[in-house]
C-alpha atoms as a PDB file:
ATOM      1  CA  UNK A   1      97.184 137.514 101.736  1.00  0.00           C
ATOM      2  CA  UNK A   2      98.516 136.859 105.278  1.00  0.00           C
ATOM      3  CA  UNK A   3      99.396 133.459 106.672  1.00  0.00           C
ATOM      4  CA  UNK A   4      96.489 131.025 106.796  1.00  0.00           C
ATOM      5  CA  UNK A   5      95.376 128.311 109.193  1.00  0.00           C
ATOM      6  CA  UNK A   6      93.522 125.442 107.499  1.00  0.00           C
ATOM      7  CA  UNK A   7      91.534 122.761 109.294  1.00  0.00           C
ATOM      8  CA  UNK A   8      91.307 119.454 107.449  1.00  0.00           C
ATOM      9  CA  UNK A   9      89.264 116.286 107.647  1.00  0.00           C
ATOM     10  CA  UNK A  10      90.316 113.150 105.805  1.00  0.00           C
ATOM     11  CA  UNK A  11      89.800 109.443 105.543  1.00  0.00           C
ATOM     12  CA  UNK A  12      93.309 108.023 105.706  1.00  0.00           C
ATOM     13  CA  UNK A  13      92.498 104.650 104.164  1.00  0.00           C
ATOM     14  CA  UNK A  14      93.855 105.480 100.700  1.00  0.00           C
ATOM     15  CA  UNK A  15      96.572 107.916 101.759  1.00  0.00           C
ATOM     16  CA  UNK A  16     100.204 106.963 102.395  1.00  0.00           C
ATOM     17  CA  UNK A  17     100.203 109.373 105.320  1.00  0.00           C
ATOM     18  CA  UNK A  18     100.563 113.146 105.484  1.00  0.00           C
ATOM     19  CA  UNK A  19     104.135 113.642 104.348  1.00  0.00           C
ATOM     20  CA  UNK A  20     104.924 114.273 100.676  1.00  0.00           C
ATOM     21  CA  UNK A  21     107.116 111.652  99.069  1.00  0.00           C
ATOM     22  CA  UNK A  22     109.127 111.496  95.881  1.00  0.00           C
ATOM     23  CA  UNK A  23     106.859 111.627  92.851  1.00  0.00           C
ATOM     24  CA  UNK A  24     108.612 108.555  91.499  1.00  0.00           C
ATOM     25  CA  UNK A  25     107.402 106.589  94.512  1.00  0.00           C
ATOM     26  CA  UNK A  26     103.815 107.010  93.337  1.00  0.00           C
ATOM     27  CA  UNK A  27     102.533 107.410  96.883  1.00  0.00           C
ATOM     28  CA  UNK A  28      99.349 109.437  97.396  1.00  0.00           C
ATOM     29  CA  UNK A  29      99.763 111.730 100.408  1.00  0.00           C
ATOM     30  CA  UNK A  30      97.548 114.308 102.094  1.00  0.00           C
ATOM     31  CA  UNK A  31     100.157 117.061 101.864  1.00  0.00           C
ATOM     32  CA  UNK A  32     100.776 116.572  98.147  1.00  0.00           C
ATOM     33  CA  UNK A  33      97.069 116.302  97.348  1.00  0.00           C
ATOM     34  CA  UNK A  34      96.334 119.555  99.198  1.00  0.00           C
ATOM     35  CA  UNK A  35      99.253 121.376  97.581  1.00  0.00           C
ATOM     36  CA  UNK A  36      98.105 120.270  94.128  1.00  0.00           C
ATOM     37  CA  UNK A  37      94.610 121.590  94.867  1.00  0.00           C
ATOM     38  CA  UNK A  38      95.989 124.945  96.033  1.00  0.00           C
ATOM     39  CA  UNK A  39      98.063 125.202  92.852  1.00  0.00           C
ATOM     40  CA  UNK A  40      94.996 124.399  90.755  1.00  0.00           C
ATOM     41  CA  UNK A  41      92.905 127.105  92.461  1.00  0.00           C
ATOM     42  CA  UNK A  42      95.496 129.874  92.926  1.00  0.00           C
ATOM     43  CA  UNK A  43      98.259 129.036  90.451  1.00  0.00           C
ATOM     44  CA  UNK A  44     100.784 129.095  93.306  1.00  0.00           C
ATOM     45  CA  UNK A  45     103.273 126.337  94.072  1.00  0.00           C
ATOM     46  CA  UNK A  46     103.632 126.236  97.826  1.00  0.00           C
ATOM     47  CA  UNK A  47     104.498 123.974 100.755  1.00  0.00           C
ATOM     48  CA  UNK A  48     101.768 123.317 103.303  1.00  0.00           C
ATOM     49  CA  UNK A  49     102.942 122.533 106.836  1.00  0.00           C
ATOM     50  CA  UNK A  50     100.854 120.121 108.915  1.00  0.00           C
ATOM     51  CA  UNK A  51     100.561 119.977 112.699  1.00  0.00           C
ATOM     52  CA  UNK A  52     101.800 116.391 112.558  1.00  0.00           C
ATOM     53  CA  UNK A  53     102.746 113.681 110.108  1.00  0.00           C
ATOM     54  CA  UNK A  54      99.908 111.209 110.402  1.00  0.00           C
ATOM     55  CA  UNK A  55     100.949 107.766 109.183  1.00  0.00           C
ATOM     56  CA  UNK A  56      99.485 105.755 106.325  1.00  0.00           C
ATOM     57  CA  UNK A  57      95.899 104.770 107.090  1.00  0.00           C
ATOM     58  CA  UNK A  58      95.437 107.232 109.972  1.00  0.00           C
ATOM     59  CA  UNK A  59      92.373 109.499 109.792  1.00  0.00           C
ATOM     60  CA  UNK A  60      91.826 113.106 110.855  1.00  0.00           C
ATOM     61  CA  UNK A  61      88.802 115.060 112.024  1.00  0.00           C
ATOM     62  CA  UNK A  62      90.802 118.168 112.864  1.00  0.00           C
ATOM     63  CA  UNK A  63      94.255 118.176 111.294  1.00  0.00           C
ATOM     64  CA  UNK A  64      95.637 121.709 111.105  1.00  0.00           C
ATOM     65  CA  UNK A  65      97.884 123.068 108.374  1.00  0.00           C
ATOM     66  CA  UNK A  66      99.558 126.417 107.757  1.00  0.00           C
ATOM     67  CA  UNK A  67     100.418 128.088 104.472  1.00  0.00           C
ATOM     68  CA  UNK A  68     101.310 131.531 103.103  1.00  0.00           C
ATOM     69  CA  UNK A  69      99.692 132.554  99.827  1.00  0.00           C
ATOM     70  CA  UNK A  70      99.837 135.664  97.669  1.00  0.00           C
ATOM     71  CA  UNK A  71      96.296 135.028  96.436  1.00  0.00           C
ATOM     72  CA  UNK A  72      93.713 137.758  97.060  1.00  0.00           C
ATOM     73  CA  UNK A  73      90.902 135.230  97.520  1.00  0.00           C
ATOM     74  CA  UNK A  74      88.992 135.639 100.782  1.00  0.00           C
ATOM     75  CA  UNK A  75      89.370 132.649 103.141  1.00  0.00           C
ATOM     76  CA  UNK A  76      85.774 131.534 102.695  1.00  0.00           C
ATOM     77  CA  UNK A  77      86.059 131.762  98.891  1.00  0.00           C
ATOM     78  CA  UNK A  78      89.330 129.838  98.938  1.00  0.00           C
ATOM     79  CA  UNK A  79      87.761 127.141 101.133  1.00  0.00           C
ATOM     80  CA  UNK A  80      84.844 126.625  98.740  1.00  0.00           C
ATOM     81  CA  UNK A  81      87.179 126.545  95.748  1.00  0.00           C
ATOM     82  CA  UNK A  82      89.459 123.966  97.352  1.00  0.00           C
ATOM     83  CA  UNK A  83      86.596 121.713  98.376  1.00  0.00           C
ATOM     84  CA  UNK A  84      85.356 121.816  94.782  1.00  0.00           C
ATOM     85  CA  UNK A  85      88.598 120.335  93.448  1.00  0.00           C
ATOM     86  CA  UNK A  86      89.736 118.101  96.324  1.00  0.00           C
ATOM     87  CA  UNK A  87      88.922 114.364  96.227  1.00  0.00           C
ATOM     88  CA  UNK A  88      86.036 113.027  98.286  1.00  0.00           C
ATOM     89  CA  UNK A  89      88.302 111.670 101.057  1.00  0.00           C
ATOM     90  CA  UNK A  90      89.874 115.063 101.873  1.00  0.00           C
ATOM     91  CA  UNK A  91      88.128 118.299 102.823  1.00  0.00           C
ATOM     92  CA  UNK A  92      89.098 121.741 104.104  1.00  0.00           C
ATOM     93  CA  UNK A  93      86.530 122.381 106.829  1.00  0.00           C
ATOM     94  CA  UNK A  94      87.755 125.850 107.821  1.00  0.00           C
ATOM     95  CA  UNK A  95      90.235 128.545 106.776  1.00  0.00           C
ATOM     96  CA  UNK A  96      91.118 131.528 108.917  1.00  0.00           C
ATOM     97  CA  UNK A  97      93.727 134.258 108.887  1.00  0.00           C
ATOM     98  CA  UNK A  98      96.568 133.395 111.261  1.00  0.00           C
ATOM     99  CA  UNK A  99      99.165 135.578 112.975  1.00  0.00           C
ATOM    100  CA  UNK A 100     102.206 136.373 110.875  1.00  0.00           C
ATOM    101  CA  UNK A 101     104.636 133.463 110.975  1.00  0.00           C
ATOM    102  CA  UNK A 102     102.077 130.950 112.285  1.00  0.00           C
ATOM    103  CA  UNK A 103     103.329 127.368 111.970  1.00  0.00           C
ATOM    104  CA  UNK A 104     100.850 124.532 112.417  1.00  0.00           C
ATOM    105  CA  UNK A 105     103.443 122.194 113.898  1.00  0.00           C
ATOM    106  CA  UNK A 106     105.705 124.393 115.997  1.00  0.00           C
ATOM    107  CA  UNK A 107     102.893 126.522 117.460  1.00  0.00           C
ATOM    108  CA  UNK A 108     100.761 123.545 118.532  1.00  0.00           C
ATOM    109  CA  UNK A 109     100.367 123.162 122.295  1.00  0.00           C
ATOM    110  CA  UNK A 110      98.756 119.721 122.298  1.00  0.00           C
ATOM    111  CA  UNK A 111      97.094 117.114 120.104  1.00  0.00           C
ATOM    112  CA  UNK A 112      94.116 114.910 120.834  1.00  0.00           C
ATOM    113  CA  UNK A 113      94.082 111.444 119.266  1.00  0.00           C
ATOM    114  CA  UNK A 114      91.364 108.817 119.552  1.00  0.00           C
ATOM    115  CA  UNK A 115      91.810 105.081 119.039  1.00  0.00           C
ATOM    116  CA  UNK A 116      88.579 103.179 118.330  1.00  0.00           C
ATOM    117  CA  UNK A 117      87.977  99.483 118.918  1.00  0.00           C
ATOM    118  CA  UNK A 118      84.996  97.392 117.880  1.00  0.00           C
ATOM    119  CA  UNK A 119      84.914  94.748 120.610  1.00  0.00           C
ATOM    120  CA  UNK A 120      82.383  92.162 119.467  1.00  0.00           C
ATOM    121  CA  UNK A 121      82.282  88.693 117.939  1.00  0.00           C
ATOM    122  CA  UNK A 122      80.032  89.876 115.122  1.00  0.00           C
ATOM    123  CA  UNK A 123      81.610  91.954 112.376  1.00  0.00           C
ATOM    124  CA  UNK A 124      80.491  95.540 111.820  1.00  0.00           C
ATOM    125  CA  UNK A 125      80.775  96.491 108.129  1.00  0.00           C
ATOM    126  CA  UNK A 126      80.064 100.157 108.890  1.00  0.00           C
ATOM    127  CA  UNK A 127      83.008 100.307 111.303  1.00  0.00           C
ATOM    128  CA  UNK A 128      85.534  98.298 109.303  1.00  0.00           C
ATOM    129  CA  UNK A 129      87.579 101.297 108.128  1.00  0.00           C
ATOM    130  CA  UNK A 130      87.532 103.323 111.362  1.00  0.00           C
ATOM    131  CA  UNK A 131      87.787 100.701 114.122  1.00  0.00           C
ATOM    132  CA  UNK A 132      90.218  97.963 115.056  1.00  0.00           C
ATOM    133  CA  UNK A 133      88.102  94.820 115.457  1.00  0.00           C
ATOM    134  CA  UNK A 134      88.891  92.708 118.533  1.00  0.00           C
ATOM    135  CA  UNK A 135      86.600  89.701 118.953  1.00  0.00           C
ATOM    136  CA  UNK A 136      87.708  88.514 122.402  1.00  0.00           C
ATOM    137  CA  UNK A 137      86.035  90.323 125.343  1.00  0.00           C
ATOM    138  CA  UNK A 138      88.046  93.207 126.774  1.00  0.00           C
ATOM    139  CA  UNK A 139      87.974  94.395 130.382  1.00  0.00           C
ATOM    140  CA  UNK A 140      87.440  98.135 129.965  1.00  0.00           C
ATOM    141  CA  UNK A 141      87.841  98.816 133.680  1.00  0.00           C
ATOM    142  CA  UNK A 142      91.280  97.152 133.710  1.00  0.00           C
ATOM    143  CA  UNK A 143      92.296  99.127 130.635  1.00  0.00           C
ATOM    144  CA  UNK A 144      91.253 102.336 132.359  1.00  0.00           C
ATOM    145  CA  UNK A 145      93.291 101.505 135.453  1.00  0.00           C
ATOM    146  CA  UNK A 146      96.358 100.816 133.332  1.00  0.00           C
ATOM    147  CA  UNK A 147      95.887 104.079 131.408  1.00  0.00           C
ATOM    148  CA  UNK A 148      96.324 106.112 134.609  1.00  0.00           C
ATOM    149  CA  UNK A 149     100.077 105.412 134.491  1.00  0.00           C
ATOM    150  CA  UNK A 150     100.281 107.008 131.042  1.00  0.00           C
ATOM    151  CA  UNK A 151      99.197 110.450 132.291  1.00  0.00           C
ATOM    152  CA  UNK A 152     101.976 112.847 133.273  1.00  0.00           C
ATOM    153  CA  UNK A 153     105.404 113.821 132.073  1.00  0.00           C
ATOM    154  CA  UNK A 154     107.057 110.514 131.241  1.00  0.00           C
ATOM    155  CA  UNK A 155     109.759 108.939 129.129  1.00  0.00           C
ATOM    156  CA  UNK A 156     107.773 107.007 126.504  1.00  0.00           C
ATOM    157  CA  UNK A 157     110.673 105.136 124.909  1.00  0.00           C
ATOM    158  CA  UNK A 158     108.832 101.854 125.568  1.00  0.00           C
ATOM    159  CA  UNK A 159     106.044 103.064 123.274  1.00  0.00           C
ATOM    160  CA  UNK A 160     108.163 104.531 120.492  1.00  0.00           C
ATOM    161  CA  UNK A 161     108.753 102.874 117.135  1.00  0.00           C
ATOM    162  CA  UNK A 162     112.152 101.220 117.031  1.00  0.00           C
ATOM    163  CA  UNK A 163     114.756 103.090 115.034  1.00  0.00           C
ATOM    164  CA  UNK A 164     113.149 106.501 115.524  1.00  0.00           C
ATOM    165  CA  UNK A 165     115.409 109.540 115.421  1.00  0.00           C
ATOM    166  CA  UNK A 166     114.619 112.175 118.036  1.00  0.00           C
ATOM    167  CA  UNK A 167     116.368 114.245 120.685  1.00  0.00           C
ATOM    168  CA  UNK A 168     114.171 113.088 123.551  1.00  0.00           C
ATOM    169  CA  UNK A 169     111.435 110.522 124.162  1.00  0.00           C
ATOM    170  CA  UNK A 170     109.983 112.518 127.078  1.00  0.00           C
ATOM    171  CA  UNK A 171     106.461 113.800 126.502  1.00  0.00           C
ATOM    172  CA  UNK A 172     103.643 115.094 128.705  1.00  0.00           C
ATOM    173  CA  UNK A 173     100.318 113.290 128.410  1.00  0.00           C
ATOM    174  CA  UNK A 174      97.463 115.263 129.946  1.00  0.00           C
ATOM    175  CA  UNK A 175      94.718 112.762 129.199  1.00  0.00           C
ATOM    176  CA  UNK A 176      94.424 109.035 128.586  1.00  0.00           C
ATOM    177  CA  UNK A 177      90.831 107.863 128.999  1.00  0.00           C
ATOM    178  CA  UNK A 178      89.314 104.502 128.160  1.00  0.00           C
ATOM    179  CA  UNK A 179      85.548 104.498 127.679  1.00  0.00           C
ATOM    180  CA  UNK A 180      82.940 102.137 126.270  1.00  0.00           C
ATOM    181  CA  UNK A 181      81.811  98.577 126.898  1.00  0.00           C
ATOM    182  CA  UNK A 182      82.908  95.054 126.075  1.00  0.00           C
ATOM    183  CA  UNK A 183      80.748  93.776 123.219  1.00  0.00           C
ATOM    184  CA  UNK A 184      80.484  97.295 121.794  1.00  0.00           C
ATOM    185  CA  UNK A 185      82.679 100.283 120.970  1.00  0.00           C
ATOM    186  CA  UNK A 186      85.705 101.112 123.115  1.00  0.00           C
ATOM    187  CA  UNK A 187      87.577 104.403 122.784  1.00  0.00           C
ATOM    188  CA  UNK A 188      91.017 105.403 123.957  1.00  0.00           C
ATOM    189  CA  UNK A 189      91.373 109.206 124.035  1.00  0.00           C
ATOM    190  CA  UNK A 190      94.887 110.541 124.497  1.00  0.00           C
ATOM    191  CA  UNK A 191      96.046 114.148 124.566  1.00  0.00           C
ATOM    192  CA  UNK A 192      99.692 115.190 124.802  1.00  0.00           C
ATOM    193  CA  UNK A 193     102.071 118.036 124.078  1.00  0.00           C
ATOM    194  CA  UNK A 194     103.743 115.849 121.481  1.00  0.00           C
ATOM    195  CA  UNK A 195     103.709 112.279 120.211  1.00  0.00           C
ATOM    196  CA  UNK A 196     106.485 109.869 119.308  1.00  0.00           C
ATOM    197  CA  UNK A 197     106.158 107.783 116.168  1.00  0.00           C
ATOM    198  CA  UNK A 198     103.503 105.062 116.669  1.00  0.00           C
ATOM    199  CA  UNK A 199     103.183 106.105 120.321  1.00  0.00           C
ATOM    200  CA  UNK A 200      99.377 106.125 120.469  1.00  0.00           C
ATOM    201  CA  UNK A 201      99.083 102.885 118.498  1.00  0.00           C
ATOM    202  CA  UNK A 202     101.663 101.182 120.723  1.00  0.00           C
ATOM    203  CA  UNK A 203      99.849 102.347 123.848  1.00  0.00           C
ATOM    204  CA  UNK A 204      96.576 101.102 122.360  1.00  0.00           C
ATOM    205  CA  UNK A 205      98.108  97.703 121.581  1.00  0.00           C
ATOM    206  CA  UNK A 206      99.390  97.442 125.154  1.00  0.00           C
ATOM    207  CA  UNK A 207      96.051  98.457 126.691  1.00  0.00           C
ATOM    208  CA  UNK A 208      94.310  95.856 124.525  1.00  0.00           C
ATOM    209  CA  UNK A 209      96.613  93.244 126.061  1.00  0.00           C
ATOM    210  CA  UNK A 210      95.584  94.487 129.505  1.00  0.00           C
ATOM    211  CA  UNK A 211      91.921  94.237 128.533  1.00  0.00           C
ATOM    212  CA  UNK A 212      92.448  90.693 127.286  1.00  0.00           C
ATOM    213  CA  UNK A 213      94.117  89.586 130.507  1.00  0.00           C
ATOM    214  CA  UNK A 214      97.560  89.149 128.975  1.00  0.00           C
ATOM    215  CA  UNK A 215      99.072  91.948 131.047  1.00  0.00           C
ATOM    216  CA  UNK A 216      98.265  93.291 134.522  1.00  0.00           C
ATOM    217  CA  UNK A 217      97.157  96.921 134.838  1.00  0.00           C
ATOM    218  CA  UNK A 218      99.787  97.389 137.533  1.00  0.00           C
ATOM    219  CA  UNK A 219     102.570  96.536 135.064  1.00  0.00           C
ATOM    220  CA  UNK A 220     102.415  99.834 133.167  1.00  0.00           C
ATOM    221  CA  UNK A 221     104.642 101.903 135.517  1.00  0.00           C
ATOM    222  CA  UNK A 222     107.362  99.237 135.310  1.00  0.00           C
ATOM    223  CA  UNK A 223     107.006  99.108 131.527  1.00  0.00           C
ATOM    224  CA  UNK A 224     107.541 102.861 131.298  1.00  0.00           C
ATOM    225  CA  UNK A 225     110.581 102.677 133.557  1.00  0.00           C
ATOM    226  CA  UNK A 226     112.120  99.932 131.416  1.00  0.00           C
ATOM    227  CA  UNK A 227     112.305 102.188 128.322  1.00  0.00           C
ATOM    228  CA  UNK A 228     112.273  99.050 126.191  1.00  0.00           C
ATOM    229  CA  UNK A 229     109.948  98.823 123.179  1.00  0.00           C
ATOM    230  CA  UNK A 230     110.270  95.026 123.096  1.00  0.00           C
ATOM    231  CA  UNK A 231     108.442  94.766 126.433  1.00  0.00           C
ATOM    232  CA  UNK A 232     105.322  96.664 125.316  1.00  0.00           C
ATOM    233  CA  UNK A 233     102.370  95.368 123.331  1.00  0.00           C
ATOM    234  CA  UNK A 234     102.036  95.201 119.540  1.00  0.00           C
ATOM    235  CA  UNK A 235     101.403  98.238 117.372  1.00  0.00           C
ATOM    236  CA  UNK A 236      97.630  98.498 116.896  1.00  0.00           C
ATOM    237  CA  UNK A 237      96.472  98.887 113.261  1.00  0.00           C
ATOM    238  CA  UNK A 238      96.445 102.400 111.793  1.00  0.00           C
ATOM    239  CA  UNK A 239      92.780 102.303 110.731  1.00  0.00           C
ATOM    240  CA  UNK A 240      91.579 102.710 114.334  1.00  0.00           C
ATOM    241  CA  UNK A 241      93.450 105.980 114.899  1.00  0.00           C
ATOM    242  CA  UNK A 242      92.076 109.488 114.323  1.00  0.00           C
ATOM    243  CA  UNK A 243      93.612 112.896 114.974  1.00  0.00           C
ATOM    244  CA  UNK A 244      90.656 114.634 116.601  1.00  0.00           C
ATOM    245  CA  UNK A 245      91.951 118.151 117.258  1.00  0.00           C
ATOM    246  CA  UNK A 246      94.974 120.366 117.794  1.00  0.00           C
ATOM    247  CA  UNK A 247      95.144 123.057 120.474  1.00  0.00           C
ATOM    248  CA  UNK A 248      96.823 126.442 120.040  1.00  0.00           C
ATOM    249  CA  UNK A 249      97.344 129.398 122.345  1.00  0.00           C
ATOM    250  CA  UNK A 250      94.659 131.494 120.623  1.00  0.00           C
ATOM    251  CA  UNK A 251      91.789 129.030 121.151  1.00  0.00           C
ATOM    252  CA  UNK A 252      90.672 125.942 123.029  1.00  0.00           C
ATOM    253  CA  UNK A 253      91.011 123.851 119.884  1.00  0.00           C
ATOM    254  CA  UNK A 254      91.007 124.123 116.142  1.00  0.00           C
ATOM    255  CA  UNK A 255      87.671 124.945 114.461  1.00  0.00           C
ATOM    256  CA  UNK A 256      85.504 121.983 113.666  1.00  0.00           C
ATOM    257  CA  UNK A 257      82.598 121.706 111.231  1.00  0.00           C
END
């Protein structure tokens, strides 16, 4: 069988992120759970590569993974078989044949993440695992003005987790939209050619400060120029973050169910 492109949906609440960890650690990860399911269905031990290493508690509507298998199962048969053995919080929503050598991470052109906020005094039990609850009123218009500075090719060191190891903190953000209403749902949609660790959650935490009046919208350009994580807002909780889709050269975005 040629290389395969898998599209995944998962609830990150009970996963310790994407990346496999030492068995002795006892951590439940998306990568390990998927690899175990593939081994159960095909008898093959393999390594599945994801488009990105979502952190513990982060969800995905359209995570993409790549894998090479020797199995003769047709993609649609393999998909049904995997969904039959996978746990209820992880599903393979699509499998398609990919070009030889396809790599979900290195071939990705951009990723779209969404951060969701429930901005109301009253609790919302149905949103408790997918939204960050902020009771104080947020100024969505101010948040949107601040988000304009995020778009473009920038050095995002101010929004990177401290202690991260990388060659460069420069990334290109093509979209950073804030939509919704105070007293209801607020969404931050960000699309970029690559993300630093905790980058979206740190941007979300900073925009929440803007919405709460703790930071002026006009301060964002200066914050970016400072390249100092200590000057930005807090890291917003993981439960509000979802990987929505990944874009590749062969299509507008990954298949969605």
